[in-house]
Amino acid sequence: MKNRSKYGVIAAILRSAIREETRTKIMYKAMLSNDQCRNYIDSLLNFGLIMEHSNGTKMVYKVTNKGSTFLNYYEQMMHLLPISLEESADEEPYNIKLQNMI
């Protein structure tokens, strides 16, 4: 698997938390290590993109309205831009490769 951008990882986490999910399920669905998942979830909680609450005996996470808005904008951007941001993440900054412009 190619490296994903930070925004791609955030979008994967938000997609997996559309329904209430545990951190373990989010980790597997977003294909992250335990440490990566914990760090991203902590950041997303701080920014208000996901919320955490107890569902009986487990802590679960769910996307907030702000998180849904982020995900919608991210998906629109990926659909509208004629560039592959995910593929150019490893390349030099500002060296964006245009695709299908003609």
C-alpha atoms as a PDB file:
ATOM      1  CA  MET A   1       0.000   0.000   0.000  1.00  0.00           C
ATOM      2  CA  LYS A   2       1.268   3.458  -0.861  1.00  0.00           C
ATOM      3  CA  ASN A   3       1.670   6.041   1.838  1.00  0.00           C
ATOM      4  CA  ARG A   4      -1.428   8.101   2.448  1.00  0.00           C
ATOM      5  CA  SER A   5      -1.571  11.768   3.228  1.00  0.00           C
ATOM      6  CA  LYS A   6      -2.625  12.820   6.712  1.00  0.00           C
ATOM      7  CA  TYR A   7      -5.941  13.974   5.284  1.00  0.00           C
ATOM      8  CA  GLY A   8      -6.428  10.582   3.641  1.00  0.00           C
ATOM      9  CA  VAL A   9      -5.898   8.871   6.996  1.00  0.00           C
ATOM     10  CA  ILE A  10      -8.300  11.276   8.700  1.00  0.00           C
ATOM     11  CA  ALA A  11     -10.923  10.590   6.030  1.00  0.00           C
ATOM     12  CA  ALA A  12     -10.471   6.818   6.484  1.00  0.00           C
ATOM     13  CA  ILE A  13     -10.993   7.171  10.233  1.00  0.00           C
ATOM     14  CA  LEU A  14     -14.075   9.343   9.782  1.00  0.00           C
ATOM     15  CA  ARG A  15     -15.553   6.912   7.245  1.00  0.00           C
ATOM     16  CA  SER A  16     -15.056   4.031   9.656  1.00  0.00           C
ATOM     17  CA  ALA A  17     -16.643   5.989  12.525  1.00  0.00           C
ATOM     18  CA  ILE A  18     -19.802   7.008  10.676  1.00  0.00           C
ATOM     19  CA  ARG A  19     -21.516   4.422  12.839  1.00  0.00           C
ATOM     20  CA  GLU A  20     -20.384   4.005  16.416  1.00  0.00           C
ATOM     21  CA  GLU A  21     -17.172   1.981  16.419  1.00  0.00           C
ATOM     22  CA  THR A  22     -14.559   0.959  18.946  1.00  0.00           C
ATOM     23  CA  ARG A  23     -10.987   2.124  18.512  1.00  0.00           C
ATOM     24  CA  THR A  24      -9.944  -1.415  17.542  1.00  0.00           C
ATOM     25  CA  LYS A  25     -12.466  -1.580  14.702  1.00  0.00           C
ATOM     26  CA  ILE A  26     -11.477   1.885  13.505  1.00  0.00           C
ATOM     27  CA  MET A  27      -7.833   0.807  13.587  1.00  0.00           C
ATOM     28  CA  TYR A  28      -8.533  -2.218  11.378  1.00  0.00           C
ATOM     29  CA  LYS A  29     -10.893  -0.431   8.989  1.00  0.00           C
ATOM     30  CA  ALA A  30      -8.491   2.501   8.538  1.00  0.00           C
ATOM     31  CA  MET A  31      -5.462   0.153   8.371  1.00  0.00           C
ATOM     32  CA  LEU A  32      -3.482   1.848  11.137  1.00  0.00           C
ATOM     33  CA  SER A  33      -1.213   0.673  13.907  1.00  0.00           C
ATOM     34  CA  ASN A  34      -2.429   0.976  17.474  1.00  0.00           C
ATOM     35  CA  ASP A  35      -0.174   3.984  18.166  1.00  0.00           C
ATOM     36  CA  GLN A  36      -1.173   5.741  14.941  1.00  0.00           C
ATOM     37  CA  CYS A  37      -4.853   5.170  15.645  1.00  0.00           C
ATOM     38  CA  ARG A  38      -4.569   6.464  19.199  1.00  0.00           C
ATOM     39  CA  ASN A  39      -2.718   9.613  18.082  1.00  0.00           C
ATOM     40  CA  TYR A  40      -5.163  10.391  15.285  1.00  0.00           C
ATOM     41  CA  ILE A  41      -8.215   9.748  17.457  1.00  0.00           C
ATOM     42  CA  ASP A  42      -6.835  12.030  20.187  1.00  0.00           C
ATOM     43  CA  SER A  43      -6.323  14.789  17.602  1.00  0.00           C
ATOM     44  CA  LEU A  44      -9.750  14.291  16.041  1.00  0.00           C
ATOM     45  CA  LEU A  45     -11.352  14.461  19.493  1.00  0.00           C
ATOM     46  CA  ASN A  46      -9.508  17.718  20.229  1.00  0.00           C
ATOM     47  CA  PHE A  47     -10.637  19.232  16.914  1.00  0.00           C
ATOM     48  CA  GLY A  48     -14.228  18.097  17.437  1.00  0.00           C
ATOM     49  CA  LEU A  49     -14.379  15.851  14.360  1.00  0.00           C
ATOM     50  CA  ILE A  50     -15.358  12.780  16.379  1.00  0.00           C
ATOM     51  CA  MET A  51     -16.913  12.249  19.791  1.00  0.00           C
ATOM     52  CA  GLU A  52     -16.330   9.555  22.373  1.00  0.00           C
ATOM     53  CA  HIS A  53     -18.827   7.957  24.710  1.00  0.00           C
ATOM     54  CA  SER A  54     -19.440   4.756  26.617  1.00  0.00           C
ATOM     55  CA  ASN A  55     -21.663   2.144  25.011  1.00  0.00           C
ATOM     56  CA  GLY A  56     -22.166  -0.165  27.948  1.00  0.00           C
ATOM     57  CA  THR A  57     -18.708  -1.574  28.687  1.00  0.00           C
ATOM     58  CA  LYS A  58     -16.836  -0.167  25.677  1.00  0.00           C
ATOM     59  CA  MET A  59     -15.730   3.281  24.575  1.00  0.00           C
ATOM     60  CA  VAL A  60     -17.007   4.035  21.096  1.00  0.00           C
ATOM     61  CA  TYR A  61     -16.369   6.852  18.645  1.00  0.00           C
ATOM     62  CA  LYS A  62     -18.759   8.545  16.260  1.00  0.00           C
ATOM     63  CA  VAL A  63     -18.345  11.287  13.676  1.00  0.00           C
ATOM     64  CA  THR A  64     -19.692  14.702  14.677  1.00  0.00           C
ATOM     65  CA  ASN A  65     -21.430  17.138  12.328  1.00  0.00           C
ATOM     66  CA  LYS A  66     -18.105  18.928  11.931  1.00  0.00           C
ATOM     67  CA  GLY A  67     -16.455  15.611  11.041  1.00  0.00           C
ATOM     68  CA  SER A  68     -19.154  14.851   8.472  1.00  0.00           C
ATOM     69  CA  THR A  69     -18.606  18.270   6.920  1.00  0.00           C
ATOM     70  CA  PHE A  70     -14.849  17.628   6.733  1.00  0.00           C
ATOM     71  CA  LEU A  71     -15.429  14.237   5.113  1.00  0.00           C
ATOM     72  CA  ASN A  72     -17.849  15.682   2.555  1.00  0.00           C
ATOM     73  CA  TYR A  73     -15.392  18.442   1.621  1.00  0.00           C
ATOM     74  CA  TYR A  74     -12.510  15.976   1.413  1.00  0.00           C
ATOM     75  CA  GLU A  75     -14.444  13.645  -0.885  1.00  0.00           C
ATOM     76  CA  GLN A  76     -15.558  16.550  -3.094  1.00  0.00           C
ATOM     77  CA  MET A  77     -11.988  17.786  -3.344  1.00  0.00           C
ATOM     78  CA  MET A  78     -10.696  14.330  -4.286  1.00  0.00           C
ATOM     79  CA  HIS A  79     -13.431  14.031  -6.910  1.00  0.00           C
ATOM     80  CA  LEU A  80     -13.053  17.505  -8.401  1.00  0.00           C
ATOM     81  CA  LEU A  81      -9.300  18.002  -8.530  1.00  0.00           C
ATOM     82  CA  PRO A  82      -7.611  16.564 -11.617  1.00  0.00           C
ATOM     83  CA  ILE A  83      -4.582  15.616  -9.561  1.00  0.00           C
ATOM     84  CA  SER A  84      -3.734  12.699  -7.420  1.00  0.00           C
ATOM     85  CA  LEU A  85      -2.904  14.203  -4.049  1.00  0.00           C
ATOM     86  CA  GLU A  86      -2.397  10.793  -2.501  1.00  0.00           C
ATOM     87  CA  GLU A  87       0.212   9.797  -5.093  1.00  0.00           C
ATOM     88  CA  SER A  88       2.094  13.097  -4.959  1.00  0.00           C
ATOM     89  CA  ALA A  89       2.390  13.109  -1.153  1.00  0.00           C
ATOM     90  CA  ASP A  90       5.817  11.431  -1.332  1.00  0.00           C
ATOM     91  CA  GLU A  91       7.134  13.740  -4.025  1.00  0.00           C
ATOM     92  CA  GLU A  92       8.725  17.137  -3.654  1.00  0.00           C
ATOM     93  CA  PRO A  93       6.473  19.866  -2.267  1.00  0.00           C
ATOM     94  CA  TYR A  94       4.625  21.864  -4.908  1.00  0.00           C
ATOM     95  CA  ASN A  95       5.516  19.309  -7.577  1.00  0.00           C
ATOM     96  CA  ILE A  96       1.921  18.409  -8.372  1.00  0.00           C
ATOM     97  CA  LYS A  97       1.309  16.135 -11.326  1.00  0.00           C
ATOM     98  CA  LEU A  98      -1.751  17.021 -13.348  1.00  0.00           C
ATOM     99  CA  GLN A  99      -3.793  14.235 -14.841  1.00  0.00           C
ATOM    100  CA  ASN A 100      -6.442  14.326 -17.569  1.00  0.00           C
ATOM    101  CA  MET A 101      -6.320  18.095 -17.969  1.00  0.00           C
ATOM    102  CA  ILE A 102      -6.998  18.042 -21.693  1.00  0.00           C
END
